[in-house]
Amino acid sequence: MTSLSELAQGQQYPAAALYVVATPIGNVADITLRALHVLGLADRIAAEDTRNTGQLLARYGISKPLVAVHQHNELAAAQRVIEYLKAGERVAYVSDAGTPGISDPGAKLVDAVREAGFAVIPLPGASALATALSAAGDWVATFSFLGFLPPKPKARASALQALAQHRHAMVFYEAPHRIVETVQALADALGGTRRLLIARELTKLHETLHQGTLAEGPTWLAADANRQRGEFVLVVEGASPEAANEHDHDALLGILLEELTVSSAARVAATLTGASRNALYARALALKEGKPDA
């Protein structure tokens, strides 16, 4: 049987370097052979949560000194890591799950280490972002990763309004206690007809992937309380080329405004066209105020 060392031949693993190591997002079998080799080779392992990482390492018979580097101490802890590098150590960094630096700590550590003149060596592996996109389909030709939306409704609505005409598919992470209101906010802001992939508990026992539209997303989530549990990746279809012209629905809005308030006109137009309710509201307001070129 080929050993890990033999499998890793042809790659240099210099001392005094930071190794950014991706770890499983759920299924522990998803760790790469190269990650195991480097974690075994490292003199020290920096981790977002040392208890979590200790359990992962124990599964594979690896025992190393651990140092905590997390969201609340990343800049200060980076200086400690740099001291270890100055002493010639190989330091591996892992977050709790997935690839460090992607909606996880690690980016500030990488900046500090590189600025101090030491090498940063990435080891690819599991990522919730890439895993969800691989199961989305051909409608996600290009995408923008946007991480977590603001948790407060007003800030979230403003962020989504700014994205209403974004042409690329959008990828968000979300926590279980906000998933229903976030999907509803997406439907309200972007229109109900856009495609939506809800990826839940990726690689875990209760992994679920559901593809539908933004309009039906909240109903699907509400149909079973279990669907609201776990960690989520949301992939949302970008705006169509037709939707990029904000004046396309002026005729409809003009008719509706003869009988309805600005808010009601925007709501009805969004239902009929699938366009962003927030964008239609802004356009209806401009028309109501006699500013069609605004």
C-alpha atoms as a PDB file:
ATOM      1  CA  MET A   1       0.000   0.000   0.000  1.00  0.00           C
ATOM      2  CA  THR A   2       1.301   3.449  -0.921  1.00  0.00           C
ATOM      3  CA  SER A   3       2.182   5.581   2.116  1.00  0.00           C
ATOM      4  CA  LEU A   4       1.146   9.195   2.624  1.00  0.00           C
ATOM      5  CA  SER A   5       4.783  10.251   2.267  1.00  0.00           C
ATOM      6  CA  GLU A   6       5.044   8.494  -1.098  1.00  0.00           C
ATOM      7  CA  LEU A   7       1.776  10.042  -2.294  1.00  0.00           C
ATOM      8  CA  ALA A   8       3.086  13.494  -1.376  1.00  0.00           C
ATOM      9  CA  GLN A   9       6.322  13.103  -3.339  1.00  0.00           C
ATOM     10  CA  GLY A  10       7.067  15.864  -5.822  1.00  0.00           C
ATOM     11  CA  GLN A  11       5.749  18.614  -3.570  1.00  0.00           C
ATOM     12  CA  GLN A  12       8.036  20.661  -1.366  1.00  0.00           C
ATOM     13  CA  TYR A  13       7.043  21.294   2.250  1.00  0.00           C
ATOM     14  CA  PRO A  14       9.557  23.896   3.461  1.00  0.00           C
ATOM     15  CA  ALA A  15      10.043  24.838   7.083  1.00  0.00           C
ATOM     16  CA  ALA A  16       9.127  28.329   8.283  1.00  0.00           C
ATOM     17  CA  ALA A  17       5.930  28.353   6.235  1.00  0.00           C
ATOM     18  CA  LEU A  18       2.217  28.630   6.965  1.00  0.00           C
ATOM     19  CA  TYR A  19       0.089  25.838   5.485  1.00  0.00           C
ATOM     20  CA  VAL A  20      -3.571  26.753   5.011  1.00  0.00           C
ATOM     21  CA  VAL A  21      -5.376  23.419   5.200  1.00  0.00           C
ATOM     22  CA  ALA A  22      -8.989  22.726   4.203  1.00  0.00           C
ATOM     23  CA  THR A  23     -10.820  20.256   6.462  1.00  0.00           C
ATOM     24  CA  PRO A  24     -14.151  18.390   6.089  1.00  0.00           C
ATOM     25  CA  ILE A  25     -17.412  20.352   6.279  1.00  0.00           C
ATOM     26  CA  GLY A  26     -19.249  17.370   7.750  1.00  0.00           C
ATOM     27  CA  ASN A  27     -18.127  13.947   6.617  1.00  0.00           C
ATOM     28  CA  VAL A  28     -14.693  13.315   8.171  1.00  0.00           C
ATOM     29  CA  ALA A  29     -13.791  10.999   5.281  1.00  0.00           C
ATOM     30  CA  ASP A  30     -13.579  14.053   3.010  1.00  0.00           C
ATOM     31  CA  ILE A  31     -10.186  15.084   4.376  1.00  0.00           C
ATOM     32  CA  THR A  32      -7.497  14.781   1.711  1.00  0.00           C
ATOM     33  CA  LEU A  33      -4.462  12.532   1.934  1.00  0.00           C
ATOM     34  CA  ARG A  34      -2.251  15.569   1.433  1.00  0.00           C
ATOM     35  CA  ALA A  35      -3.935  17.370   4.328  1.00  0.00           C
ATOM     36  CA  LEU A  36      -3.235  14.398   6.596  1.00  0.00           C
ATOM     37  CA  HIS A  37       0.385  14.350   5.445  1.00  0.00           C
ATOM     38  CA  VAL A  38       0.906  18.067   6.163  1.00  0.00           C
ATOM     39  CA  LEU A  39      -0.920  17.969   9.506  1.00  0.00           C
ATOM     40  CA  GLY A  40       1.372  15.112  10.492  1.00  0.00           C
ATOM     41  CA  LEU A  41       4.431  17.009   9.244  1.00  0.00           C
ATOM     42  CA  ALA A  42       3.570  20.315  10.922  1.00  0.00           C
ATOM     43  CA  ASP A  43       5.361  21.350  14.099  1.00  0.00           C
ATOM     44  CA  ARG A  44       2.268  23.158  15.327  1.00  0.00           C
ATOM     45  CA  ILE A  45      -1.368  23.500  14.267  1.00  0.00           C
ATOM     46  CA  ALA A  46      -3.236  26.783  14.569  1.00  0.00           C
ATOM     47  CA  ALA A  47      -6.981  26.255  14.801  1.00  0.00           C
ATOM     48  CA  GLU A  48     -10.211  28.230  14.991  1.00  0.00           C
ATOM     49  CA  ASP A  49     -11.367  25.933  17.811  1.00  0.00           C
ATOM     50  CA  THR A  50      -8.666  23.748  19.365  1.00  0.00           C
ATOM     51  CA  ARG A  51     -11.228  21.349  20.882  1.00  0.00           C
ATOM     52  CA  ASN A  52     -12.903  20.783  17.542  1.00  0.00           C
ATOM     53  CA  THR A  53      -9.606  20.306  15.747  1.00  0.00           C
ATOM     54  CA  GLY A  54      -8.293  18.060  18.523  1.00  0.00           C
ATOM     55  CA  GLN A  55     -11.176  15.672  17.893  1.00  0.00           C
ATOM     56  CA  LEU A  56     -10.504  15.622  14.148  1.00  0.00           C
ATOM     57  CA  LEU A  57      -6.798  14.981  14.660  1.00  0.00           C
ATOM     58  CA  ALA A  58      -7.531  12.195  17.145  1.00  0.00           C
ATOM     59  CA  ARG A  59      -9.616  10.407  14.501  1.00  0.00           C
ATOM     60  CA  TYR A  60      -6.466  10.120  12.400  1.00  0.00           C
ATOM     61  CA  GLY A  61      -3.939   9.508  15.182  1.00  0.00           C
ATOM     62  CA  ILE A  62      -2.280  12.930  14.921  1.00  0.00           C
ATOM     63  CA  SER A  63      -1.104  14.723  18.051  1.00  0.00           C
ATOM     64  CA  LYS A  64       0.421  18.203  17.747  1.00  0.00           C
ATOM     65  CA  PRO A  65       0.673  21.364  19.858  1.00  0.00           C
ATOM     66  CA  LEU A  66      -2.380  23.528  19.147  1.00  0.00           C
ATOM     67  CA  VAL A  67      -2.748  27.306  19.197  1.00  0.00           C
ATOM     68  CA  ALA A  68      -6.088  29.116  19.020  1.00  0.00           C
ATOM     69  CA  VAL A  69      -6.534  31.546  16.118  1.00  0.00           C
ATOM     70  CA  HIS A  70     -10.160  32.618  15.818  1.00  0.00           C
ATOM     71  CA  GLN A  71     -12.339  35.584  14.889  1.00  0.00           C
ATOM     72  CA  HIS A  72     -11.795  37.414  18.174  1.00  0.00           C
ATOM     73  CA  ASN A  73      -8.010  37.082  18.489  1.00  0.00           C
ATOM     74  CA  GLU A  74      -6.809  36.639  14.906  1.00  0.00           C
ATOM     75  CA  LEU A  75      -4.541  39.689  14.687  1.00  0.00           C
ATOM     76  CA  ALA A  76      -2.884  39.110  18.067  1.00  0.00           C
ATOM     77  CA  ALA A  77      -2.584  35.358  17.498  1.00  0.00           C
ATOM     78  CA  ALA A  78      -1.008  35.989  14.103  1.00  0.00           C
ATOM     79  CA  GLN A  79       1.981  37.523  15.861  1.00  0.00           C
ATOM     80  CA  ARG A  80       2.415  34.342  17.894  1.00  0.00           C
ATOM     81  CA  VAL A  81       2.302  32.287  14.709  1.00  0.00           C
ATOM     82  CA  ILE A  82       4.948  34.551  13.158  1.00  0.00           C
ATOM     83  CA  GLU A  83       7.224  33.907  16.142  1.00  0.00           C
ATOM     84  CA  TYR A  84       6.873  30.153  15.543  1.00  0.00           C
ATOM     85  CA  LEU A  85       7.731  30.689  11.877  1.00  0.00           C
ATOM     86  CA  LYS A  86      10.776  32.734  12.844  1.00  0.00           C
ATOM     87  CA  ALA A  87      11.895  29.727  14.876  1.00  0.00           C
ATOM     88  CA  GLY A  88      11.748  27.633  11.707  1.00  0.00           C
ATOM     89  CA  GLU A  89       8.522  25.777  12.423  1.00  0.00           C
ATOM     90  CA  ARG A  90       5.982  24.546   9.924  1.00  0.00           C
ATOM     91  CA  VAL A  91       2.586  25.829  11.071  1.00  0.00           C
ATOM     92  CA  ALA A  92      -0.676  24.489   9.653  1.00  0.00           C
ATOM     93  CA  TYR A  93      -3.865  26.523   9.988  1.00  0.00           C
ATOM     94  CA  VAL A  94      -7.356  24.989   9.960  1.00  0.00           C
ATOM     95  CA  SER A  95     -10.779  26.506  10.587  1.00  0.00           C
ATOM     96  CA  ASP A  96     -13.639  24.520  12.113  1.00  0.00           C
ATOM     97  CA  ALA A  97     -14.819  23.220   8.749  1.00  0.00           C
ATOM     98  CA  GLY A  98     -14.034  23.818   5.102  1.00  0.00           C
ATOM     99  CA  THR A  99     -11.490  26.166   3.589  1.00  0.00           C
ATOM    100  CA  PRO A 100     -10.065  28.882   5.883  1.00  0.00           C
ATOM    101  CA  GLY A 101     -10.665  32.476   4.840  1.00  0.00           C
ATOM    102  CA  ILE A 102     -14.003  31.788   3.125  1.00  0.00           C
ATOM    103  CA  SER A 103     -16.547  33.149   5.653  1.00  0.00           C
ATOM    104  CA  ASP A 104     -14.137  31.767   8.252  1.00  0.00           C
ATOM    105  CA  PRO A 105     -11.076  33.130  10.048  1.00  0.00           C
ATOM    106  CA  GLY A 106      -7.737  32.850   8.278  1.00  0.00           C
ATOM    107  CA  ALA A 107      -7.533  35.801   5.887  1.00  0.00           C
ATOM    108  CA  LYS A 108      -6.003  38.186   8.440  1.00  0.00           C
ATOM    109  CA  LEU A 109      -3.522  35.519   9.493  1.00  0.00           C
ATOM    110  CA  VAL A 110      -2.491  35.013   5.856  1.00  0.00           C
ATOM    111  CA  ASP A 111      -2.007  38.776   5.401  1.00  0.00           C
ATOM    112  CA  ALA A 112       0.144  39.069   8.524  1.00  0.00           C
ATOM    113  CA  VAL A 113       2.305  36.047   7.698  1.00  0.00           C
ATOM    114  CA  ARG A 114       2.913  37.181   4.125  1.00  0.00           C
ATOM    115  CA  GLU A 115       3.705  40.729   5.268  1.00  0.00           C
ATOM    116  CA  ALA A 116       6.244  39.272   7.691  1.00  0.00           C
ATOM    117  CA  GLY A 117       8.000  37.649   4.742  1.00  0.00           C
ATOM    118  CA  PHE A 118       7.005  34.010   5.183  1.00  0.00           C
ATOM    119  CA  ALA A 119       5.514  31.651   2.616  1.00  0.00           C
ATOM    120  CA  VAL A 120       1.810  30.817   2.614  1.00  0.00           C
ATOM    121  CA  ILE A 121       1.012  27.431   1.064  1.00  0.00           C
ATOM    122  CA  PRO A 122      -2.663  26.495   0.411  1.00  0.00           C
ATOM    123  CA  LEU A 123      -3.944  22.929   0.501  1.00  0.00           C
ATOM    124  CA  PRO A 124      -7.285  22.579  -1.321  1.00  0.00           C
ATOM    125  CA  GLY A 125     -10.151  20.524  -0.025  1.00  0.00           C
ATOM    126  CA  ALA A 126     -13.729  20.704   1.171  1.00  0.00           C
ATOM    127  CA  SER A 127     -15.698  23.925   0.728  1.00  0.00           C
ATOM    128  CA  ALA A 128     -19.440  24.394   1.197  1.00  0.00           C
ATOM    129  CA  LEU A 129     -19.340  27.018  -1.564  1.00  0.00           C
ATOM    130  CA  ALA A 130     -17.824  24.702  -4.183  1.00  0.00           C
ATOM    131  CA  THR A 131     -19.896  21.728  -3.047  1.00  0.00           C
ATOM    132  CA  ALA A 132     -23.194  23.570  -3.508  1.00  0.00           C
ATOM    133  CA  LEU A 133     -22.177  25.040  -6.869  1.00  0.00           C
ATOM    134  CA  SER A 134     -21.216  21.615  -8.208  1.00  0.00           C
ATOM    135  CA  ALA A 135     -24.832  20.494  -7.728  1.00  0.00           C
ATOM    136  CA  ALA A 136     -26.535  23.680  -8.978  1.00  0.00           C
ATOM    137  CA  GLY A 137     -26.593  23.096 -12.714  1.00  0.00           C
ATOM    138  CA  ASP A 138     -25.896  24.945 -15.934  1.00  0.00           C
ATOM    139  CA  TRP A 139     -27.850  28.073 -14.938  1.00  0.00           C
ATOM    140  CA  VAL A 140     -24.911  29.029 -12.686  1.00  0.00           C
ATOM    141  CA  ALA A 141     -22.429  29.909 -15.428  1.00  0.00           C
ATOM    142  CA  THR A 142     -20.869  32.698 -13.352  1.00  0.00           C
ATOM    143  CA  PHE A 143     -21.344  33.541  -9.702  1.00  0.00           C
ATOM    144  CA  SER A 144     -20.538  35.962  -6.894  1.00  0.00           C
ATOM    145  CA  PHE A 145     -19.940  34.685  -3.378  1.00  0.00           C
ATOM    146  CA  LEU A 146     -21.490  37.076  -0.855  1.00  0.00           C
ATOM    147  CA  GLY A 147     -21.244  35.147   2.414  1.00  0.00           C
ATOM    148  CA  PHE A 148     -23.757  36.037   5.125  1.00  0.00           C
ATOM    149  CA  LEU A 149     -26.297  38.794   4.543  1.00  0.00           C
ATOM    150  CA  PRO A 150     -26.771  41.411   7.296  1.00  0.00           C
ATOM    151  CA  PRO A 151     -28.917  39.902  10.083  1.00  0.00           C
ATOM    152  CA  LYS A 152     -31.058  43.005  10.678  1.00  0.00           C
ATOM    153  CA  PRO A 153     -34.042  43.336   8.295  1.00  0.00           C
ATOM    154  CA  LYS A 154     -33.436  46.946   7.214  1.00  0.00           C
ATOM    155  CA  ALA A 155     -29.745  46.410   6.433  1.00  0.00           C
ATOM    156  CA  ARG A 156     -30.507  43.127   4.696  1.00  0.00           C
ATOM    157  CA  ALA A 157     -33.182  44.769   2.526  1.00  0.00           C
ATOM    158  CA  SER A 158     -30.765  47.541   1.544  1.00  0.00           C
ATOM    159  CA  ALA A 159     -28.073  45.011   0.626  1.00  0.00           C
ATOM    160  CA  LEU A 160     -30.506  43.026  -1.510  1.00  0.00           C
ATOM    161  CA  GLN A 161     -31.842  46.136  -3.227  1.00  0.00           C
ATOM    162  CA  ALA A 162     -28.295  46.906  -4.334  1.00  0.00           C
ATOM    163  CA  LEU A 163     -28.070  43.374  -5.795  1.00  0.00           C
ATOM    164  CA  ALA A 164     -31.393  43.437  -7.647  1.00  0.00           C
ATOM    165  CA  GLN A 165     -29.770  43.936 -11.077  1.00  0.00           C
ATOM    166  CA  HIS A 166     -26.711  41.756 -10.396  1.00  0.00           C
ATOM    167  CA  ARG A 167     -26.298  39.542 -13.467  1.00  0.00           C
ATOM    168  CA  HIS A 168     -24.303  36.690 -11.888  1.00  0.00           C
ATOM    169  CA  ALA A 169     -25.741  33.954  -9.705  1.00  0.00           C
ATOM    170  CA  MET A 170     -25.351  34.839  -6.028  1.00  0.00           C
ATOM    171  CA  VAL A 171     -24.206  32.465  -3.299  1.00  0.00           C
ATOM    172  CA  PHE A 172     -25.033  33.117   0.340  1.00  0.00           C
ATOM    173  CA  TYR A 173     -24.416  31.284   3.609  1.00  0.00           C
ATOM    174  CA  GLU A 174     -27.134  31.331   6.253  1.00  0.00           C
ATOM    175  CA  ALA A 175     -27.765  30.066   9.778  1.00  0.00           C
ATOM    176  CA  PRO A 176     -30.853  28.001  10.678  1.00  0.00           C
ATOM    177  CA  HIS A 177     -32.548  30.620  12.862  1.00  0.00           C
ATOM    178  CA  ARG A 178     -32.611  33.120   9.961  1.00  0.00           C
ATOM    179  CA  ILE A 179     -33.160  30.852   6.977  1.00  0.00           C
ATOM    180  CA  VAL A 180     -36.912  31.395   6.483  1.00  0.00           C
ATOM    181  CA  GLU A 181     -36.805  35.184   6.804  1.00  0.00           C
ATOM    182  CA  THR A 182     -33.741  35.372   4.553  1.00  0.00           C
ATOM    183  CA  VAL A 183     -35.356  33.373   1.754  1.00  0.00           C
ATOM    184  CA  GLN A 184     -38.497  35.505   2.073  1.00  0.00           C
ATOM    185  CA  ALA A 185     -36.376  38.666   1.915  1.00  0.00           C
ATOM    186  CA  LEU A 186     -34.679  37.353  -1.229  1.00  0.00           C
ATOM    187  CA  ALA A 187     -38.057  36.720  -2.853  1.00  0.00           C
ATOM    188  CA  ASP A 188     -39.349  40.172  -1.866  1.00  0.00           C
ATOM    189  CA  ALA A 189     -36.274  41.974  -3.168  1.00  0.00           C
ATOM    190  CA  LEU A 190     -35.414  39.968  -6.280  1.00  0.00           C
ATOM    191  CA  GLY A 191     -38.779  38.653  -7.449  1.00  0.00           C
ATOM    192  CA  GLY A 192     -40.261  35.185  -7.026  1.00  0.00           C
ATOM    193  CA  THR A 193     -39.430  33.682 -10.423  1.00  0.00           C
ATOM    194  CA  ARG A 194     -35.683  33.342 -10.005  1.00  0.00           C
ATOM    195  CA  ARG A 195     -34.247  29.876  -9.479  1.00  0.00           C
ATOM    196  CA  LEU A 196     -33.068  28.971  -6.009  1.00  0.00           C
ATOM    197  CA  LEU A 197     -30.958  26.065  -4.768  1.00  0.00           C
ATOM    198  CA  ILE A 198     -31.226  25.396  -1.043  1.00  0.00           C
ATOM    199  CA  ALA A 199     -28.297  23.233   0.054  1.00  0.00           C
ATOM    200  CA  ARG A 200     -28.605  22.088   3.665  1.00  0.00           C
ATOM    201  CA  GLU A 201     -26.184  20.099   5.856  1.00  0.00           C
ATOM    202  CA  LEU A 202     -23.850  19.356   2.954  1.00  0.00           C
ATOM    203  CA  THR A 203     -21.950  16.030   3.275  1.00  0.00           C
ATOM    204  CA  LYS A 204     -23.747  15.238   6.546  1.00  0.00           C
ATOM    205  CA  LEU A 205     -26.280  12.532   7.401  1.00  0.00           C
ATOM    206  CA  HIS A 206     -29.307  14.734   6.676  1.00  0.00           C
ATOM    207  CA  GLU A 207     -27.943  16.468   3.573  1.00  0.00           C
ATOM    208  CA  THR A 208     -30.737  18.023   1.507  1.00  0.00           C
ATOM    209  CA  LEU A 209     -30.646  19.786  -1.846  1.00  0.00           C
ATOM    210  CA  HIS A 210     -33.828  21.417  -3.111  1.00  0.00           C
ATOM    211  CA  GLN A 211     -34.088  23.414  -6.310  1.00  0.00           C
ATOM    212  CA  GLY A 212     -37.130  25.561  -7.035  1.00  0.00           C
ATOM    213  CA  THR A 213     -37.930  29.274  -7.189  1.00  0.00           C
ATOM    214  CA  LEU A 214     -37.602  32.066  -4.671  1.00  0.00           C
ATOM    215  CA  ALA A 215     -41.393  32.305  -4.448  1.00  0.00           C
ATOM    216  CA  GLU A 216     -41.789  28.707  -3.288  1.00  0.00           C
ATOM    217  CA  GLY A 217     -38.699  28.639  -1.088  1.00  0.00           C
ATOM    218  CA  PRO A 218     -40.370  29.848   2.146  1.00  0.00           C
ATOM    219  CA  THR A 219     -43.269  27.396   1.674  1.00  0.00           C
ATOM    220  CA  TRP A 220     -40.878  24.486   1.139  1.00  0.00           C
ATOM    221  CA  LEU A 221     -38.954  25.381   4.287  1.00  0.00           C
ATOM    222  CA  ALA A 222     -42.145  25.802   6.345  1.00  0.00           C
ATOM    223  CA  ALA A 223     -43.570  22.435   5.266  1.00  0.00           C
ATOM    224  CA  ASP A 224     -41.202  20.525   7.580  1.00  0.00           C
ATOM    225  CA  ALA A 225     -39.443  21.955  10.642  1.00  0.00           C
ATOM    226  CA  ASN A 226     -36.474  19.671   9.979  1.00  0.00           C
ATOM    227  CA  ARG A 227     -35.814  21.558   6.756  1.00  0.00           C
ATOM    228  CA  GLN A 228     -34.960  24.638   8.837  1.00  0.00           C
ATOM    229  CA  ARG A 229     -32.194  22.914  10.796  1.00  0.00           C
ATOM    230  CA  GLY A 230     -28.497  22.864  10.034  1.00  0.00           C
ATOM    231  CA  GLU A 231     -26.192  25.077   8.009  1.00  0.00           C
ATOM    232  CA  PHE A 232     -27.317  26.424   4.633  1.00  0.00           C
ATOM    233  CA  VAL A 233     -25.890  27.491   1.296  1.00  0.00           C
ATOM    234  CA  LEU A 234     -28.287  29.424  -0.948  1.00  0.00           C
ATOM    235  CA  VAL A 235     -27.621  29.787  -4.674  1.00  0.00           C
ATOM    236  CA  VAL A 236     -29.852  32.400  -6.343  1.00  0.00           C
ATOM    237  CA  GLU A 237     -30.194  33.042 -10.067  1.00  0.00           C
ATOM    238  CA  GLY A 238     -28.878  36.389 -11.256  1.00  0.00           C
ATOM    239  CA  ALA A 239     -30.942  39.067 -12.993  1.00  0.00           C
ATOM    240  CA  SER A 240     -31.882  38.363 -16.605  1.00  0.00           C
ATOM    241  CA  PRO A 241     -30.581  40.754 -19.290  1.00  0.00           C
ATOM    242  CA  GLU A 242     -34.139  42.030 -19.714  1.00  0.00           C
ATOM    243  CA  ALA A 243     -34.384  42.881 -16.017  1.00  0.00           C
ATOM    244  CA  ALA A 244     -31.335  45.117 -16.258  1.00  0.00           C
ATOM    245  CA  ASN A 245     -33.444  47.865 -17.870  1.00  0.00           C
ATOM    246  CA  GLU A 246     -35.243  49.458 -14.939  1.00  0.00           C
ATOM    247  CA  HIS A 247     -37.638  51.339 -17.247  1.00  0.00           C
ATOM    248  CA  ASP A 248     -39.110  48.186 -18.815  1.00  0.00           C
ATOM    249  CA  HIS A 249     -42.116  48.146 -16.492  1.00  0.00           C
ATOM    250  CA  ASP A 250     -42.955  51.854 -16.633  1.00  0.00           C
ATOM    251  CA  ALA A 251     -46.149  51.297 -18.643  1.00  0.00           C
ATOM    252  CA  LEU A 252     -47.485  48.750 -16.151  1.00  0.00           C
ATOM    253  CA  LEU A 253     -46.497  50.901 -13.171  1.00  0.00           C
ATOM    254  CA  GLY A 254     -48.160  53.910 -14.761  1.00  0.00           C
ATOM    255  CA  ILE A 255     -51.468  52.059 -15.051  1.00  0.00           C
ATOM    256  CA  LEU A 256     -51.264  50.700 -11.503  1.00  0.00           C
ATOM    257  CA  LEU A 257     -50.382  54.092 -10.032  1.00  0.00           C
ATOM    258  CA  GLU A 258     -53.661  55.494 -11.341  1.00  0.00           C
ATOM    259  CA  GLU A 259     -55.499  53.349  -8.785  1.00  0.00           C
ATOM    260  CA  LEU A 260     -52.918  52.234  -6.193  1.00  0.00           C
ATOM    261  CA  THR A 261     -50.348  53.640  -3.807  1.00  0.00           C
ATOM    262  CA  VAL A 262     -46.676  53.435  -4.736  1.00  0.00           C
ATOM    263  CA  SER A 263     -46.161  50.487  -2.379  1.00  0.00           C
ATOM    264  CA  SER A 264     -49.187  48.576  -3.667  1.00  0.00           C
ATOM    265  CA  ALA A 265     -48.284  49.265  -7.297  1.00  0.00           C
ATOM    266  CA  ALA A 266     -44.765  47.909  -6.745  1.00  0.00           C
ATOM    267  CA  ARG A 267     -46.126  44.827  -4.989  1.00  0.00           C
ATOM    268  CA  VAL A 268     -48.608  44.016  -7.770  1.00  0.00           C
ATOM    269  CA  ALA A 269     -46.023  44.686 -10.502  1.00  0.00           C
ATOM    270  CA  ALA A 270     -43.520  42.408  -8.758  1.00  0.00           C
ATOM    271  CA  THR A 271     -46.129  39.637  -8.596  1.00  0.00           C
ATOM    272  CA  LEU A 272     -46.978  40.014 -12.293  1.00  0.00           C
ATOM    273  CA  THR A 273     -43.436  40.363 -13.652  1.00  0.00           C
ATOM    274  CA  GLY A 274     -41.183  38.594 -11.161  1.00  0.00           C
ATOM    275  CA  ALA A 275     -38.981  41.691 -11.058  1.00  0.00           C
ATOM    276  CA  SER A 276     -37.495  43.068  -7.857  1.00  0.00           C
ATOM    277  CA  ARG A 277     -40.148  44.623  -5.629  1.00  0.00           C
ATOM    278  CA  ASN A 278     -37.625  47.085  -4.202  1.00  0.00           C
ATOM    279  CA  ALA A 279     -36.468  48.161  -7.667  1.00  0.00           C
ATOM    280  CA  LEU A 280     -40.075  48.542  -8.826  1.00  0.00           C
ATOM    281  CA  TYR A 281     -40.887  50.590  -5.734  1.00  0.00           C
ATOM    282  CA  ALA A 282     -38.002  52.979  -6.453  1.00  0.00           C
ATOM    283  CA  ARG A 283     -39.133  53.281 -10.081  1.00  0.00           C
ATOM    284  CA  ALA A 284     -42.800  53.775  -9.138  1.00  0.00           C
ATOM    285  CA  LEU A 285     -41.812  56.484  -6.670  1.00  0.00           C
ATOM    286  CA  ALA A 286     -39.833  58.295  -9.378  1.00  0.00           C
ATOM    287  CA  LEU A 287     -42.823  58.138 -11.732  1.00  0.00           C
ATOM    288  CA  LYS A 288     -45.227  59.302  -9.024  1.00  0.00           C
ATOM    289  CA  GLU A 289     -43.012  62.289  -8.262  1.00  0.00           C
ATOM    290  CA  GLY A 290     -42.814  63.178 -11.966  1.00  0.00           C
ATOM    291  CA  LYS A 291     -39.151  62.218 -12.322  1.00  0.00           C
ATOM    292  CA  PRO A 292     -39.209  59.567 -15.119  1.00  0.00           C
ATOM    293  CA  ASP A 293     -35.532  60.084 -15.910  1.00  0.00           C
ATOM    294  CA  ALA A 294     -34.400  59.547 -12.323  1.00  0.00           C
END
